[in-house]
Amino acid sequence: MKSALKNLLCRFLAVAVMMLPFQNVQASMIGAGQATSGSSVQADRDVVLSFLNRSQTEEQLQALGLDPQVARDRVAAMTDDEVGTLAGRIHEQPAGGLIGLLLLILLIIVIVMLVQRR
């Protein structure tokens, strides 16, 4: 009887191990762009956060009814692509083009808030 139980248990375990998913692991070389992308993402976040820390920006956000700290928190929740796009827009703006950029930041923050509610 014990032999039959051991045999059944071994067969069950063999089938269970065969049903486990196998994961393929691949190691390869990465390019210089991929290696430095982490630091560029952090630099983009720093650009956006420094823009939000300006007194003019804080005044405009408060005039639009948004707390500047909430805006900073939303920037922290943005994806790397969104932050990169926003930092690119900041670099493109002339010295007086803050209103359009503030509206863009506000729009992205509203979108992030709506997505997080789902």
C-alpha atoms as a PDB file:
ATOM      1  CA  MET A   1       0.000   0.000   0.000  1.00  0.00           C
ATOM      2  CA  LYS A   2       2.787   2.439   0.850  1.00  0.00           C
ATOM      3  CA  SER A   3       4.470   1.692  -2.442  1.00  0.00           C
ATOM      4  CA  ALA A   4       1.308   2.487  -4.395  1.00  0.00           C
ATOM      5  CA  LEU A   5       0.888   5.771  -2.471  1.00  0.00           C
ATOM      6  CA  LYS A   6       4.502   6.748  -3.131  1.00  0.00           C
ATOM      7  CA  ASN A   7       4.112   5.886  -6.801  1.00  0.00           C
ATOM      8  CA  LEU A   8       0.948   8.007  -7.073  1.00  0.00           C
ATOM      9  CA  LEU A   9       2.575  10.900  -5.233  1.00  0.00           C
ATOM     10  CA  CYS A  10       5.647  10.770  -7.483  1.00  0.00           C
ATOM     11  CA  ARG A  11       3.480  10.793 -10.610  1.00  0.00           C
ATOM     12  CA  PHE A  12       1.471  13.731  -9.284  1.00  0.00           C
ATOM     13  CA  LEU A  13       4.621  15.691  -8.474  1.00  0.00           C
ATOM     14  CA  ALA A  14       6.138  14.890 -11.885  1.00  0.00           C
ATOM     15  CA  VAL A  15       3.010  16.222 -13.644  1.00  0.00           C
ATOM     16  CA  ALA A  16       2.925  19.289 -11.385  1.00  0.00           C
ATOM     17  CA  VAL A  17       6.576  20.117 -12.144  1.00  0.00           C
ATOM     18  CA  MET A  18       5.967  19.712 -15.889  1.00  0.00           C
ATOM     19  CA  MET A  19       3.077  22.183 -15.692  1.00  0.00           C
ATOM     20  CA  LEU A  20       5.173  24.896 -14.052  1.00  0.00           C
ATOM     21  CA  PRO A  21       5.914  27.754 -16.414  1.00  0.00           C
ATOM     22  CA  PHE A  22       9.492  28.019 -17.530  1.00  0.00           C
ATOM     23  CA  GLN A  23      10.985  31.451 -17.944  1.00  0.00           C
ATOM     24  CA  ASN A  24      13.592  32.207 -20.526  1.00  0.00           C
ATOM     25  CA  VAL A  25      16.361  34.497 -19.413  1.00  0.00           C
ATOM     26  CA  GLN A  26      18.502  36.302 -21.915  1.00  0.00           C
ATOM     27  CA  ALA A  27      21.583  38.352 -21.231  1.00  0.00           C
ATOM     28  CA  SER A  28      22.825  40.743 -23.853  1.00  0.00           C
ATOM     29  CA  MET A  29      24.733  43.945 -24.316  1.00  0.00           C
ATOM     30  CA  ILE A  30      22.918  47.252 -23.977  1.00  0.00           C
ATOM     31  CA  GLY A  31      23.636  50.449 -25.814  1.00  0.00           C
ATOM     32  CA  ALA A  32      24.957  53.631 -24.315  1.00  0.00           C
ATOM     33  CA  GLY A  33      21.538  55.269 -24.704  1.00  0.00           C
ATOM     34  CA  GLN A  34      19.898  52.649 -22.541  1.00  0.00           C
ATOM     35  CA  ALA A  35      22.617  52.864 -19.915  1.00  0.00           C
ATOM     36  CA  THR A  36      22.279  56.635 -19.552  1.00  0.00           C
ATOM     37  CA  SER A  37      18.483  56.801 -19.854  1.00  0.00           C
ATOM     38  CA  GLY A  38      18.030  56.522 -16.073  1.00  0.00           C
ATOM     39  CA  SER A  39      20.105  59.606 -15.413  1.00  0.00           C
ATOM     40  CA  SER A  40      18.400  61.556 -18.205  1.00  0.00           C
ATOM     41  CA  VAL A  41      14.983  60.685 -16.781  1.00  0.00           C
ATOM     42  CA  GLN A  42      16.057  61.997 -13.382  1.00  0.00           C
ATOM     43  CA  ALA A  43      17.438  65.131 -15.038  1.00  0.00           C
ATOM     44  CA  ASP A  44      14.084  65.650 -16.798  1.00  0.00           C
ATOM     45  CA  ARG A  45      12.240  65.241 -13.493  1.00  0.00           C
ATOM     46  CA  ASP A  46      14.589  67.787 -11.915  1.00  0.00           C
ATOM     47  CA  VAL A  47      13.878  70.249 -14.760  1.00  0.00           C
ATOM     48  CA  VAL A  48      10.113  69.906 -14.324  1.00  0.00           C
ATOM     49  CA  LEU A  49      10.296  70.152 -10.533  1.00  0.00           C
ATOM     50  CA  SER A  50      12.553  73.209 -10.672  1.00  0.00           C
ATOM     51  CA  PHE A  51      10.042  74.788 -13.051  1.00  0.00           C
ATOM     52  CA  LEU A  52       7.261  74.055 -10.567  1.00  0.00           C
ATOM     53  CA  ASN A  53       9.311  75.583  -7.735  1.00  0.00           C
ATOM     54  CA  ARG A  54       9.497  78.992  -9.435  1.00  0.00           C
ATOM     55  CA  SER A  55       7.461  81.680  -7.748  1.00  0.00           C
ATOM     56  CA  GLN A  56       5.685  82.638 -10.978  1.00  0.00           C
ATOM     57  CA  THR A  57       4.653  79.061 -11.577  1.00  0.00           C
ATOM     58  CA  GLU A  58       3.387  78.630  -8.037  1.00  0.00           C
ATOM     59  CA  GLU A  59       1.360  81.850  -8.346  1.00  0.00           C
ATOM     60  CA  GLN A  60      -0.171  80.682 -11.636  1.00  0.00           C
ATOM     61  CA  LEU A  61      -1.033  77.263 -10.214  1.00  0.00           C
ATOM     62  CA  GLN A  62      -2.677  78.860  -7.185  1.00  0.00           C
ATOM     63  CA  ALA A  63      -4.574  81.216  -9.486  1.00  0.00           C
ATOM     64  CA  LEU A  64      -5.831  78.163 -11.371  1.00  0.00           C
ATOM     65  CA  GLY A  65      -6.934  76.604  -8.068  1.00  0.00           C
ATOM     66  CA  LEU A  66      -4.218  73.958  -7.768  1.00  0.00           C
ATOM     67  CA  ASP A  67      -1.920  73.492  -4.811  1.00  0.00           C
ATOM     68  CA  PRO A  68       1.742  73.496  -5.956  1.00  0.00           C
ATOM     69  CA  GLN A  69       2.523  70.520  -3.700  1.00  0.00           C
ATOM     70  CA  VAL A  70      -0.206  68.490  -5.416  1.00  0.00           C
ATOM     71  CA  ALA A  71       1.372  69.385  -8.754  1.00  0.00           C
ATOM     72  CA  ARG A  72       4.773  68.157  -7.514  1.00  0.00           C
ATOM     73  CA  ASP A  73       3.196  64.917  -6.309  1.00  0.00           C
ATOM     74  CA  ARG A  74       1.544  64.415  -9.695  1.00  0.00           C
ATOM     75  CA  VAL A  75       4.848  64.981 -11.473  1.00  0.00           C
ATOM     76  CA  ALA A  76       6.353  62.280  -9.284  1.00  0.00           C
ATOM     77  CA  ALA A  77       3.558  59.936 -10.418  1.00  0.00           C
ATOM     78  CA  MET A  78       4.088  60.632 -14.144  1.00  0.00           C
ATOM     79  CA  THR A  79       5.703  58.104 -16.437  1.00  0.00           C
ATOM     80  CA  ASP A  80       9.187  58.663 -17.801  1.00  0.00           C
ATOM     81  CA  ASP A  81       7.833  59.483 -21.268  1.00  0.00           C
ATOM     82  CA  GLU A  82       5.416  62.093 -19.925  1.00  0.00           C
ATOM     83  CA  VAL A  83       8.174  63.747 -17.899  1.00  0.00           C
ATOM     84  CA  GLY A  84      10.511  63.707 -20.910  1.00  0.00           C
ATOM     85  CA  THR A  85       7.867  65.356 -23.088  1.00  0.00           C
ATOM     86  CA  LEU A  86       7.137  67.970 -20.460  1.00  0.00           C
ATOM     87  CA  ALA A  87      10.835  68.736 -19.941  1.00  0.00           C
ATOM     88  CA  GLY A  88      11.246  69.105 -23.698  1.00  0.00           C
ATOM     89  CA  ARG A  89       8.380  71.582 -23.764  1.00  0.00           C
ATOM     90  CA  ILE A  90       9.995  73.543 -20.936  1.00  0.00           C
ATOM     91  CA  HIS A  91      13.246  73.810 -22.884  1.00  0.00           C
ATOM     92  CA  GLU A  92      11.381  74.956 -26.016  1.00  0.00           C
ATOM     93  CA  GLN A  93       9.442  77.720 -24.278  1.00  0.00           C
ATOM     94  CA  PRO A  94      10.580  81.310 -24.545  1.00  0.00           C
ATOM     95  CA  ALA A  95      10.929  83.305 -21.353  1.00  0.00           C
ATOM     96  CA  GLY A  96       7.346  84.600 -21.491  1.00  0.00           C
ATOM     97  CA  GLY A  97       5.589  81.411 -22.644  1.00  0.00           C
ATOM     98  CA  LEU A  98       4.659  80.115 -19.220  1.00  0.00           C
ATOM     99  CA  ILE A  99       0.870  80.178 -19.589  1.00  0.00           C
ATOM    100  CA  GLY A 100       0.720  77.486 -22.270  1.00  0.00           C
ATOM    101  CA  LEU A 101       3.089  75.307 -20.345  1.00  0.00           C
ATOM    102  CA  LEU A 102       1.109  75.727 -17.138  1.00  0.00           C
ATOM    103  CA  LEU A 103      -2.030  74.692 -18.966  1.00  0.00           C
ATOM    104  CA  LEU A 104      -0.201  71.644 -20.307  1.00  0.00           C
ATOM    105  CA  ILE A 105       0.950  70.701 -16.801  1.00  0.00           C
ATOM    106  CA  LEU A 106      -2.576  71.181 -15.497  1.00  0.00           C
ATOM    107  CA  LEU A 107      -3.972  69.011 -18.301  1.00  0.00           C
ATOM    108  CA  ILE A 108      -1.497  66.209 -17.594  1.00  0.00           C
ATOM    109  CA  ILE A 109      -2.251  66.379 -13.872  1.00  0.00           C
ATOM    110  CA  VAL A 110      -5.997  66.116 -14.544  1.00  0.00           C
ATOM    111  CA  ILE A 111      -5.427  63.126 -16.843  1.00  0.00           C
ATOM    112  CA  VAL A 112      -3.288  61.381 -14.225  1.00  0.00           C
ATOM    113  CA  MET A 113      -5.957  62.036 -11.584  1.00  0.00           C
ATOM    114  CA  LEU A 114      -8.689  60.573 -13.813  1.00  0.00           C
ATOM    115  CA  VAL A 115      -6.621  57.499 -14.605  1.00  0.00           C
ATOM    116  CA  GLN A 116      -5.841  56.878 -10.939  1.00  0.00           C
ATOM    117  CA  ARG A 117      -9.527  57.002  -9.997  1.00  0.00           C
ATOM    118  CA  ARG A 118     -10.269  53.967 -12.157  1.00  0.00           C
END
